Amino acid sequence: DYVDLCVRHVHYQLNGRSYQGTVSDQLAKVKVGQKLS
C-alpha cells in the first residue's frame, strides 16, 4: 500500500549561478499530505 524512496537534494553553485535538480529540489521541499505524479 505504499512505496519508499531515497532522494539526494541536488543543488550547487557554478560560475556565480545557482542550480537545482529538476525533481530532487521539489522532492526535498515536499510536505506530508501533498500529492506527487
Full PDB file with SEQRES, HELIX, SHEET, SSBOND, CRYST1, ORIGX, SCALE, CONECT and MASTER records, all heavy atoms in Angstrom:
SEQRES   1 A   37  ASP TYR VAL ASP LEU CYS VAL ARG HIS VAL HIS TYR GLN          
SEQRES   2 A   37  LEU ASN GLY ARG SER TYR GLN GLY THR VAL SER ASP GLN          
SEQRES   3 A   37  LEU ALA LYS VAL LYS VAL GLY GLN LYS LEU SER                  
HELIX    1 AA1 SER A   24  LEU A   27  1                                   4    
SHEET    1 AA1 2 HIS A  11  LEU A  14  0                                        
SHEET    2 AA1 2 ARG A  17  GLN A  20 -1                                        
CRYST1    1.000    1.000    1.000  90.00  90.00  90.00 P 1           1          
ORIGX1      1.000000  0.000000  0.000000        0.00000                         
ORIGX2      0.000000  1.000000  0.000000        0.00000                         
ORIGX3      0.000000  0.000000  1.000000        0.00000                         
SCALE1      1.000000  0.000000  0.000000        0.00000                         
SCALE2      0.000000  1.000000  0.000000        0.00000                         
SCALE3      0.000000  0.000000  1.000000        0.00000                         
ATOM      1  N   ASP A   1       0.799  -1.226   0.000  1.00  0.00           N  
ATOM      2  CA  ASP A   1       0.000   0.000   0.000  1.00  0.00           C  
ATOM      3  C   ASP A   1       0.830   1.274   0.000  1.00  0.00           C  
ATOM      4  O   ASP A   1       0.284   2.368  -0.032  1.00  0.00           O  
ATOM      5  CB  ASP A   1      -0.953   0.014   1.207  1.00  0.00           C  
ATOM      6  CG  ASP A   1      -2.030  -1.058   1.100  1.00  0.00           C  
ATOM      7  OD1 ASP A   1      -2.363  -1.434  -0.044  1.00  0.00           O  
ATOM      8  OD2 ASP A   1      -2.516  -1.528   2.137  1.00  0.00           O  
ATOM      9  N   TYR A   2       2.148   1.145   0.077  1.00  0.00           N  
ATOM     10  CA  TYR A   2       2.980   2.347  -0.021  1.00  0.00           C  
ATOM     11  C   TYR A   2       4.311   1.988  -0.656  1.00  0.00           C  
ATOM     12  O   TYR A   2       4.673   0.818  -0.784  1.00  0.00           O  
ATOM     13  CB  TYR A   2       3.176   3.012   1.346  1.00  0.00           C  
ATOM     14  CG  TYR A   2       3.960   2.226   2.369  1.00  0.00           C  
ATOM     15  CD1 TYR A   2       5.349   2.103   2.285  1.00  0.00           C  
ATOM     16  CD2 TYR A   2       3.323   1.628   3.459  1.00  0.00           C  
ATOM     17  CE1 TYR A   2       6.070   1.403   3.231  1.00  0.00           C  
ATOM     18  CE2 TYR A   2       4.034   0.919   4.416  1.00  0.00           C  
ATOM     19  CZ  TYR A   2       5.416   0.813   4.297  1.00  0.00           C  
ATOM     20  OH  TYR A   2       6.135   0.116   5.242  1.00  0.00           O  
ATOM     21  N   VAL A   3       5.033   3.025  -1.052  1.00  0.00           N  
ATOM     22  CA  VAL A   3       6.346   2.840  -1.648  1.00  0.00           C  
ATOM     23  C   VAL A   3       7.285   3.886  -1.057  1.00  0.00           C  
ATOM     24  O   VAL A   3       6.898   5.026  -0.827  1.00  0.00           O  
ATOM     25  CB  VAL A   3       6.277   2.963  -3.189  1.00  0.00           C  
ATOM     26  CG1 VAL A   3       5.810   4.350  -3.621  1.00  0.00           C  
ATOM     27  CG2 VAL A   3       7.616   2.641  -3.840  1.00  0.00           C  
ATOM     28  N   ASP A   4       8.520   3.466  -0.768  1.00  0.00           N  
ATOM     29  CA  ASP A   4       9.518   4.361  -0.194  1.00  0.00           C  
ATOM     30  C   ASP A   4      10.571   4.704  -1.242  1.00  0.00           C  
ATOM     31  O   ASP A   4      10.909   3.874  -2.094  1.00  0.00           O  
ATOM     32  CB  ASP A   4      10.217   3.710   1.003  1.00  0.00           C  
ATOM     33  CG  ASP A   4       9.287   3.519   2.190  1.00  0.00           C  
ATOM     34  OD1 ASP A   4       8.247   4.197   2.241  1.00  0.00           O  
ATOM     35  OD2 ASP A   4       9.608   2.693   3.068  1.00  0.00           O  
ATOM     36  N   LEU A   5      11.117   5.912  -1.143  1.00  0.00           N  
ATOM     37  CA  LEU A   5      12.242   6.272  -1.989  1.00  0.00           C  
ATOM     38  C   LEU A   5      13.223   7.139  -1.214  1.00  0.00           C  
ATOM     39  O   LEU A   5      12.872   7.765  -0.209  1.00  0.00           O  
ATOM     40  CB  LEU A   5      11.804   6.974  -3.272  1.00  0.00           C  
ATOM     41  CG  LEU A   5      11.033   8.287  -3.190  1.00  0.00           C  
ATOM     42  CD1 LEU A   5      11.226   9.066  -4.481  1.00  0.00           C  
ATOM     43  CD2 LEU A   5       9.546   8.043  -2.992  1.00  0.00           C  
ATOM     44  N   CYS A   6      14.454   7.128  -1.683  1.00  0.00           N  
ATOM     45  CA  CYS A   6      15.548   7.842  -1.028  1.00  0.00           C  
ATOM     46  C   CYS A   6      16.076   8.873  -2.028  1.00  0.00           C  
ATOM     47  O   CYS A   6      16.476   8.522  -3.144  1.00  0.00           O  
ATOM     48  CB  CYS A   6      16.629   6.836  -0.641  1.00  0.00           C  
ATOM     49  SG  CYS A   6      18.064   7.527   0.184  1.00  0.00           S  
ATOM     50  N   VAL A   7      16.065  10.150  -1.642  1.00  0.00           N  
ATOM     51  CA  VAL A   7      16.358  11.235  -2.584  1.00  0.00           C  
ATOM     52  C   VAL A   7      17.482  12.123  -2.050  1.00  0.00           C  
ATOM     53  O   VAL A   7      17.398  12.621  -0.922  1.00  0.00           O  
ATOM     54  CB  VAL A   7      15.106  12.107  -2.820  1.00  0.00           C  
ATOM     55  CG1 VAL A   7      15.424  13.228  -3.812  1.00  0.00           C  
ATOM     56  CG2 VAL A   7      13.941  11.265  -3.304  1.00  0.00           C  
ATOM     57  N   ARG A   8      18.503  12.332  -2.858  1.00  0.00           N  
ATOM     58  CA  ARG A   8      19.532  13.321  -2.508  1.00  0.00           C  
ATOM     59  C   ARG A   8      19.166  14.640  -3.186  1.00  0.00           C  
ATOM     60  O   ARG A   8      18.890  14.686  -4.388  1.00  0.00           O  
ATOM     61  CB  ARG A   8      20.920  12.875  -2.960  1.00  0.00           C  
ATOM     62  CG  ARG A   8      22.022  13.853  -2.497  1.00  0.00           C  
ATOM     63  CD  ARG A   8      23.409  13.379  -2.901  1.00  0.00           C  
ATOM     64  NE  ARG A   8      23.802  12.160  -2.231  1.00  0.00           N  
ATOM     65  CZ  ARG A   8      24.266  12.085  -0.989  1.00  0.00           C  
ATOM     66  NH1 ARG A   8      24.357  13.180  -0.252  1.00  0.00           N  
ATOM     67  NH2 ARG A   8      24.622  10.936  -0.473  1.00  0.00           N  
ATOM     68  N   HIS A   9      19.154  15.698  -2.404  1.00  0.00           N  
ATOM     69  CA  HIS A   9      18.808  17.022  -2.911  1.00  0.00           C  
ATOM     70  C   HIS A   9      19.976  17.588  -3.717  1.00  0.00           C  
ATOM     71  O   HIS A   9      21.023  17.927  -3.167  1.00  0.00           O  
ATOM     72  CB  HIS A   9      18.473  17.948  -1.740  1.00  0.00           C  
ATOM     73  CG  HIS A   9      18.044  19.313  -2.162  1.00  0.00           C  
ATOM     74  ND1 HIS A   9      18.027  20.390  -1.305  1.00  0.00           N  
ATOM     75  CD2 HIS A   9      17.598  19.786  -3.356  1.00  0.00           C  
ATOM     76  CE1 HIS A   9      17.599  21.468  -1.946  1.00  0.00           C  
ATOM     77  NE2 HIS A   9      17.342  21.121  -3.201  1.00  0.00           N  
ATOM     78  N   VAL A  10      19.803  17.694  -5.023  1.00  0.00           N  
ATOM     79  CA  VAL A  10      20.852  18.211  -5.901  1.00  0.00           C  
ATOM     80  C   VAL A  10      20.733  19.730  -5.987  1.00  0.00           C  
ATOM     81  O   VAL A  10      19.721  20.260  -6.450  1.00  0.00           O  
ATOM     82  CB  VAL A  10      20.755  17.591  -7.308  1.00  0.00           C  
ATOM     83  CG1 VAL A  10      21.809  18.207  -8.226  1.00  0.00           C  
ATOM     84  CG2 VAL A  10      20.914  16.075  -7.232  1.00  0.00           C  
ATOM     85  N   HIS A  11      21.745  20.428  -5.509  1.00  0.00           N  
ATOM     86  CA  HIS A  11      21.812  21.889  -5.683  1.00  0.00           C  
ATOM     87  C   HIS A  11      23.261  22.317  -5.520  1.00  0.00           C  
ATOM     88  O   HIS A  11      24.017  21.736  -4.731  1.00  0.00           O  
ATOM     89  CB  HIS A  11      20.897  22.605  -4.679  1.00  0.00           C  
ATOM     90  CG  HIS A  11      21.318  22.462  -3.257  1.00  0.00           C  
ATOM     91  ND1 HIS A  11      22.078  23.398  -2.594  1.00  0.00           N  
ATOM     92  CD2 HIS A  11      21.118  21.464  -2.361  1.00  0.00           C  
ATOM     93  CE1 HIS A  11      22.306  22.997  -1.363  1.00  0.00           C  
ATOM     94  NE2 HIS A  11      21.743  21.830  -1.187  1.00  0.00           N  
ATOM     95  N   TYR A  12      23.674  23.328  -6.277  1.00  0.00           N  
ATOM     96  CA  TYR A  12      25.075  23.749  -6.255  1.00  0.00           C  
ATOM     97  C   TYR A  12      25.219  25.130  -6.900  1.00  0.00           C  
ATOM     98  O   TYR A  12      24.281  25.643  -7.531  1.00  0.00           O  
ATOM     99  CB  TYR A  12      25.959  22.729  -6.995  1.00  0.00           C  
ATOM    100  CG  TYR A  12      25.507  22.427  -8.403  1.00  0.00           C  
ATOM    101  CD1 TYR A  12      26.039  23.137  -9.491  1.00  0.00           C  
ATOM    102  CD2 TYR A  12      24.553  21.450  -8.660  1.00  0.00           C  
ATOM    103  CE1 TYR A  12      25.613  22.873 -10.785  1.00  0.00           C  
ATOM    104  CE2 TYR A  12      24.126  21.172  -9.948  1.00  0.00           C  
ATOM    105  CZ  TYR A  12      24.659  21.890 -11.009  1.00  0.00           C  
ATOM    106  OH  TYR A  12      24.231  21.639 -12.285  1.00  0.00           O  
ATOM    107  N   GLN A  13      26.392  25.697  -6.737  1.00  0.00           N  
ATOM    108  CA  GLN A  13      26.745  26.981  -7.343  1.00  0.00           C  
ATOM    109  C   GLN A  13      27.815  26.744  -8.403  1.00  0.00           C  
ATOM    110  O   GLN A  13      28.738  25.955  -8.193  1.00  0.00           O  
ATOM    111  CB  GLN A  13      27.290  27.935  -6.275  1.00  0.00           C  
ATOM    112  CG  GLN A  13      26.302  28.320  -5.193  1.00  0.00           C  
ATOM    113  CD  GLN A  13      25.374  29.427  -5.632  1.00  0.00           C  
ATOM    114  OE1 GLN A  13      25.715  30.247  -6.474  1.00  0.00           O  
ATOM    115  NE2 GLN A  13      24.191  29.467  -5.038  1.00  0.00           N  
ATOM    116  N   LEU A  14      27.687  27.426  -9.537  1.00  0.00           N  
ATOM    117  CA  LEU A  14      28.688  27.315 -10.595  1.00  0.00           C  
ATOM    118  C   LEU A  14      28.751  28.648 -11.336  1.00  0.00           C  
ATOM    119  O   LEU A  14      27.733  29.136 -11.837  1.00  0.00           O  
ATOM    120  CB  LEU A  14      28.318  26.189 -11.570  1.00  0.00           C  
ATOM    121  CG  LEU A  14      29.308  25.918 -12.707  1.00  0.00           C  
ATOM    122  CD1 LEU A  14      30.649  25.425 -12.152  1.00  0.00           C  
ATOM    123  CD2 LEU A  14      28.741  24.889 -13.690  1.00  0.00           C  
ATOM    124  N   ASN A  15      29.936  29.224 -11.376  1.00  0.00           N  
ATOM    125  CA  ASN A  15      30.137  30.497 -12.067  1.00  0.00           C  
ATOM    126  C   ASN A  15      29.140  31.574 -11.638  1.00  0.00           C  
ATOM    127  O   ASN A  15      28.602  32.328 -12.456  1.00  0.00           O  
ATOM    128  CB  ASN A  15      30.051  30.291 -13.590  1.00  0.00           C  
ATOM    129  CG  ASN A  15      31.138  29.354 -14.095  1.00  0.00           C  
ATOM    130  OD1 ASN A  15      32.252  29.342 -13.577  1.00  0.00           O  
ATOM    131  ND2 ASN A  15      30.811  28.545 -15.092  1.00  0.00           N  
ATOM    132  N   GLY A  16      28.879  31.612 -10.327  1.00  0.00           N  
ATOM    133  CA  GLY A  16      28.014  32.650  -9.797  1.00  0.00           C  
ATOM    134  C   GLY A  16      26.533  32.407  -9.966  1.00  0.00           C  
ATOM    135  O   GLY A  16      25.717  33.273  -9.625  1.00  0.00           O  
ATOM    136  N   ARG A  17      26.165  31.247 -10.467  1.00  0.00           N  
ATOM    137  CA  ARG A  17      24.743  30.937 -10.672  1.00  0.00           C  
ATOM    138  C   ARG A  17      24.338  29.741  -9.824  1.00  0.00           C  
ATOM    139  O   ARG A  17      25.130  28.808  -9.629  1.00  0.00           O  
ATOM    140  CB  ARG A  17      24.478  30.651 -12.150  1.00  0.00           C  
ATOM    141  CG  ARG A  17      23.010  30.449 -12.475  1.00  0.00           C  
ATOM    142  CD  ARG A  17      22.787  30.172 -13.954  1.00  0.00           C  
ATOM    143  NE  ARG A  17      21.494  29.532 -14.130  1.00  0.00           N  
ATOM    144  CZ  ARG A  17      21.196  28.668 -15.078  1.00  0.00           C  
ATOM    145  NH1 ARG A  17      22.114  28.316 -15.964  1.00  0.00           N  
ATOM    146  NH2 ARG A  17      19.997  28.137 -15.157  1.00  0.00           N  
ATOM    147  N   SER A  18      23.110  29.745  -9.303  1.00  0.00           N  
ATOM    148  CA  SER A  18      22.587  28.637  -8.501  1.00  0.00           C  
ATOM    149  C   SER A  18      21.849  27.647  -9.389  1.00  0.00           C  
ATOM    150  O   SER A  18      21.103  28.044 -10.288  1.00  0.00           O  
ATOM    151  CB  SER A  18      21.635  29.163  -7.424  1.00  0.00           C  
ATOM    152  OG  SER A  18      22.321  30.006  -6.523  1.00  0.00           O  
ATOM    153  N   TYR A  19      22.051  26.343  -9.106  1.00  0.00           N  
ATOM    154  CA  TYR A  19      21.391  25.279  -9.865  1.00  0.00           C  
ATOM    155  C   TYR A  19      20.686  24.332  -8.893  1.00  0.00           C  
ATOM    156  O   TYR A  19      21.169  24.109  -7.777  1.00  0.00           O  
ATOM    157  CB  TYR A  19      22.402  24.470 -10.680  1.00  0.00           C  
ATOM    158  CG  TYR A  19      23.163  25.258 -11.718  1.00  0.00           C  
ATOM    159  CD1 TYR A  19      24.234  26.070 -11.339  1.00  0.00           C  
ATOM    160  CD2 TYR A  19      22.817  25.185 -13.059  1.00  0.00           C  
ATOM    161  CE1 TYR A  19      24.941  26.799 -12.284  1.00  0.00           C  
ATOM    162  CE2 TYR A  19      23.534  25.899 -14.012  1.00  0.00           C  
ATOM    163  CZ  TYR A  19      24.593  26.701 -13.624  1.00  0.00           C  
ATOM    164  OH  TYR A  19      25.282  27.424 -14.569  1.00  0.00           O  
ATOM    165  N   GLN A  20      19.570  23.769  -9.333  1.00  0.00           N  
ATOM    166  CA  GLN A  20      18.834  22.787  -8.541  1.00  0.00           C  
ATOM    167  C   GLN A  20      18.436  21.616  -9.434  1.00  0.00           C  
ATOM    168  O   GLN A  20      18.145  21.801 -10.618  1.00  0.00           O  
ATOM    169  CB  GLN A  20      17.559  23.392  -7.925  1.00  0.00           C  
ATOM    170  CG  GLN A  20      17.799  24.475  -6.898  1.00  0.00           C  
ATOM    171  CD  GLN A  20      18.084  25.827  -7.525  1.00  0.00           C  
ATOM    172  OE1 GLN A  20      17.582  26.137  -8.603  1.00  0.00           O  
ATOM    173  NE2 GLN A  20      18.890  26.638  -6.854  1.00  0.00           N  
ATOM    174  N   GLY A  21      18.416  20.431  -8.841  1.00  0.00           N  
ATOM    175  CA  GLY A  21      17.919  19.272  -9.572  1.00  0.00           C  
ATOM    176  C   GLY A  21      16.452  19.479  -9.916  1.00  0.00           C  
ATOM    177  O   GLY A  21      15.665  19.911  -9.061  1.00  0.00           O  
ATOM    178  N   THR A  22      16.067  19.185 -11.135  1.00  0.00           N  
ATOM    179  CA  THR A  22      14.709  19.471 -11.600  1.00  0.00           C  
ATOM    180  C   THR A  22      13.661  18.834 -10.706  1.00  0.00           C  
ATOM    181  O   THR A  22      12.659  19.461 -10.355  1.00  0.00           O  
ATOM    182  CB  THR A  22      14.524  18.975 -13.054  1.00  0.00           C  
ATOM    183  OG1 THR A  22      15.520  19.595 -13.876  1.00  0.00           O  
ATOM    184  CG2 THR A  22      13.138  19.321 -13.583  1.00  0.00           C  
ATOM    185  N   VAL A  23      13.879  17.571 -10.317  1.00  0.00           N  
ATOM    186  CA  VAL A  23      12.900  16.872  -9.487  1.00  0.00           C  
ATOM    187  C   VAL A  23      13.347  16.833  -8.029  1.00  0.00           C  
ATOM    188  O   VAL A  23      12.541  17.054  -7.115  1.00  0.00           O  
ATOM    189  CB  VAL A  23      12.660  15.438 -10.010  1.00  0.00           C  
ATOM    190  CG1 VAL A  23      11.712  14.676  -9.090  1.00  0.00           C  
ATOM    191  CG2 VAL A  23      12.075  15.484 -11.424  1.00  0.00           C  
ATOM    192  N   SER A  24      14.623  16.579  -7.792  1.00  0.00           N  
ATOM    193  CA  SER A  24      15.081  16.411  -6.409  1.00  0.00           C  
ATOM    194  C   SER A  24      14.854  17.670  -5.582  1.00  0.00           C  
ATOM    195  O   SER A  24      14.565  17.593  -4.383  1.00  0.00           O  
ATOM    196  CB  SER A  24      16.558  16.010  -6.372  1.00  0.00           C  
ATOM    197  OG  SER A  24      17.400  17.088  -6.751  1.00  0.00           O  
ATOM    198  N   ASP A  25      14.974  18.838  -6.192  1.00  0.00           N  
ATOM    199  CA  ASP A  25      14.762  20.079  -5.455  1.00  0.00           C  
ATOM    200  C   ASP A  25      13.323  20.189  -4.966  1.00  0.00           C  
ATOM    201  O   ASP A  25      13.062  20.635  -3.847  1.00  0.00           O  
ATOM    202  CB  ASP A  25      15.104  21.283  -6.343  1.00  0.00           C  
ATOM    203  CG  ASP A  25      15.000  22.600  -5.596  1.00  0.00           C  
ATOM    204  OD1 ASP A  25      15.739  22.779  -4.617  1.00  0.00           O  
ATOM    205  OD2 ASP A  25      14.154  23.435  -5.981  1.00  0.00           O  
ATOM    206  N   GLN A  26      12.390  19.739  -5.820  1.00  0.00           N  
ATOM    207  CA  GLN A  26      10.987  19.806  -5.425  1.00  0.00           C  
ATOM    208  C   GLN A  26      10.646  18.723  -4.411  1.00  0.00           C  
ATOM    209  O   GLN A  26       9.848  18.937  -3.494  1.00  0.00           O  
ATOM    210  CB  GLN A  26      10.104  19.712  -6.681  1.00  0.00           C  
ATOM    211  CG  GLN A  26      10.339  20.906  -7.608  1.00  0.00           C  
ATOM    212  CD  GLN A  26       9.539  20.846  -8.892  1.00  0.00           C  
ATOM    213  OE1 GLN A  26       8.314  20.787  -8.868  1.00  0.00           O  
ATOM    214  NE2 GLN A  26      10.226  20.880 -10.026  1.00  0.00           N  
ATOM    215  N   LEU A  27      11.274  17.550  -4.534  1.00  0.00           N  
ATOM    216  CA  LEU A  27      11.035  16.484  -3.560  1.00  0.00           C  
ATOM    217  C   LEU A  27      11.616  16.851  -2.192  1.00  0.00           C  
ATOM    218  O   LEU A  27      11.067  16.476  -1.157  1.00  0.00           O  
ATOM    219  CB  LEU A  27      11.657  15.170  -4.045  1.00  0.00           C  
ATOM    220  CG  LEU A  27      11.017  14.530  -5.277  1.00  0.00           C  
ATOM    221  CD1 LEU A  27      11.729  13.228  -5.628  1.00  0.00           C  
ATOM    222  CD2 LEU A  27       9.534  14.267  -5.058  1.00  0.00           C  
ATOM    223  N   ALA A  28      12.718  17.592  -2.188  1.00  0.00           N  
ATOM    224  CA  ALA A  28      13.335  17.988  -0.924  1.00  0.00           C  
ATOM    225  C   ALA A  28      12.454  18.963  -0.150  1.00  0.00           C  
ATOM    226  O   ALA A  28      12.627  19.122   1.066  1.00  0.00           O  
ATOM    227  CB  ALA A  28      14.696  18.618  -1.195  1.00  0.00           C  
ATOM    228  N   LYS A  29      11.516  19.594  -0.833  1.00  0.00           N  
ATOM    229  CA  LYS A  29      10.668  20.599  -0.193  1.00  0.00           C  
ATOM    230  C   LYS A  29       9.223  20.132  -0.022  1.00  0.00           C  
ATOM    231  O   LYS A  29       8.369  20.899   0.412  1.00  0.00           O  
ATOM    232  CB  LYS A  29      10.703  21.886  -1.020  1.00  0.00           C  
ATOM    233  CG  LYS A  29      12.102  22.481  -1.136  1.00  0.00           C  
ATOM    234  CD  LYS A  29      12.169  23.592  -2.164  1.00  0.00           C  
ATOM    235  CE  LYS A  29      13.601  24.117  -2.311  1.00  0.00           C  
ATOM    236  NZ  LYS A  29      13.720  25.127  -3.389  1.00  0.00           N  
ATOM    237  N   VAL A  30       8.949  18.879  -0.363  1.00  0.00           N  
ATOM    238  CA  VAL A  30       7.580  18.379  -0.312  1.00  0.00           C  
ATOM    239  C   VAL A  30       7.127  18.198   1.137  1.00  0.00           C  
ATOM    240  O   VAL A  30       7.937  17.963   2.035  1.00  0.00           O  
ATOM    241  CB  VAL A  30       7.474  17.042  -1.091  1.00  0.00           C  
ATOM    242  CG1 VAL A  30       8.068  15.889  -0.298  1.00  0.00           C  
ATOM    243  CG2 VAL A  30       6.047  16.761  -1.512  1.00  0.00           C  
ATOM    244  N   LYS A  31       5.826  18.321   1.367  1.00  0.00           N  
ATOM    245  CA  LYS A  31       5.251  18.197   2.703  1.00  0.00           C  
ATOM    246  C   LYS A  31       4.280  17.013   2.757  1.00  0.00           C  
ATOM    247  O   LYS A  31       3.696  16.621   1.742  1.00  0.00           O  
ATOM    248  CB  LYS A  31       4.505  19.477   3.089  1.00  0.00           C  
ATOM    249  CG  LYS A  31       5.335  20.750   2.998  1.00  0.00           C  
ATOM    250  CD  LYS A  31       6.485  20.749   4.000  1.00  0.00           C  
ATOM    251  CE  LYS A  31       7.271  22.061   3.933  1.00  0.00           C  
ATOM    252  NZ  LYS A  31       8.455  22.038   4.817  1.00  0.00           N  
ATOM    253  N   VAL A  32       4.113  16.467   3.959  1.00  0.00           N  
ATOM    254  CA  VAL A  32       3.139  15.388   4.158  1.00  0.00           C  
ATOM    255  C   VAL A  32       1.750  15.893   3.752  1.00  0.00           C  
ATOM    256  O   VAL A  32       1.350  17.006   4.096  1.00  0.00           O  
ATOM    257  CB  VAL A  32       3.129  14.933   5.631  1.00  0.00           C  
ATOM    258  CG1 VAL A  32       1.975  13.968   5.897  1.00  0.00           C  
ATOM    259  CG2 VAL A  32       4.462  14.276   5.993  1.00  0.00           C  
ATOM    260  N   GLY A  33       1.040  15.064   3.005  1.00  0.00           N  
ATOM    261  CA  GLY A  33      -0.288  15.434   2.542  1.00  0.00           C  
ATOM    262  C   GLY A  33      -0.314  15.922   1.112  1.00  0.00           C  
ATOM    263  O   GLY A  33      -1.365  15.883   0.459  1.00  0.00           O  
ATOM    264  N   GLN A  34       0.842  16.376   0.598  1.00  0.00           N  
ATOM    265  CA  GLN A  34       0.905  16.771  -0.804  1.00  0.00           C  
ATOM    266  C   GLN A  34       0.800  15.528  -1.686  1.00  0.00           C  
ATOM    267  O   GLN A  34       1.009  14.397  -1.223  1.00  0.00           O  
ATOM    268  CB  GLN A  34       2.214  17.501  -1.104  1.00  0.00           C  
ATOM    269  CG  GLN A  34       2.263  18.929  -0.611  1.00  0.00           C  
ATOM    270  CD  GLN A  34       3.555  19.614  -1.017  1.00  0.00           C  
ATOM    271  OE1 GLN A  34       4.289  20.118  -0.182  1.00  0.00           O  
ATOM    272  NE2 GLN A  34       3.848  19.614  -2.304  1.00  0.00           N  
ATOM    273  N   LYS A  35       0.508  15.730  -2.962  1.00  0.00           N  
ATOM    274  CA  LYS A  35       0.434  14.611  -3.895  1.00  0.00           C  
ATOM    275  C   LYS A  35       1.469  14.789  -5.001  1.00  0.00           C  
ATOM    276  O   LYS A  35       1.715  15.895  -5.472  1.00  0.00           O  
ATOM    277  CB  LYS A  35      -0.966  14.491  -4.470  1.00  0.00           C  
ATOM    278  CG  LYS A  35      -1.984  14.024  -3.432  1.00  0.00           C  
ATOM    279  CD  LYS A  35      -3.307  13.628  -4.047  1.00  0.00           C  
ATOM    280  CE  LYS A  35      -4.242  13.045  -2.989  1.00  0.00           C  
ATOM    281  NZ  LYS A  35      -5.546  12.628  -3.561  1.00  0.00           N  
ATOM    282  N   LEU A  36       2.062  13.664  -5.388  1.00  0.00           N  
ATOM    283  CA  LEU A  36       3.059  13.647  -6.445  1.00  0.00           C  
ATOM    284  C   LEU A  36       2.578  12.776  -7.599  1.00  0.00           C  
ATOM    285  O   LEU A  36       1.934  11.747  -7.383  1.00  0.00           O  
ATOM    286  CB  LEU A  36       4.386  13.096  -5.917  1.00  0.00           C  
ATOM    287  CG  LEU A  36       5.080  13.895  -4.808  1.00  0.00           C  
ATOM    288  CD1 LEU A  36       6.284  13.112  -4.282  1.00  0.00           C  
ATOM    289  CD2 LEU A  36       5.516  15.254  -5.318  1.00  0.00           C  
ATOM    290  N   SER A  37       2.905  13.177  -8.812  1.00  0.00           N  
ATOM    291  CA  SER A  37       2.556  12.395 -10.001  1.00  0.00           C  
ATOM    292  C   SER A  37       3.630  11.336 -10.215  1.00  0.00           C  
ATOM    293  O   SER A  37       4.792  11.675 -10.481  1.00  0.00           O  
ATOM    294  CB  SER A  37       2.462  13.310 -11.227  1.00  0.00           C  
ATOM    295  OG  SER A  37       1.459  14.279 -11.042  1.00  0.00           O  
TER     296      SER A  37                                                      
MASTER        0    0    0    1    2    0    0    6  295    1    0    3          
END                                                                             
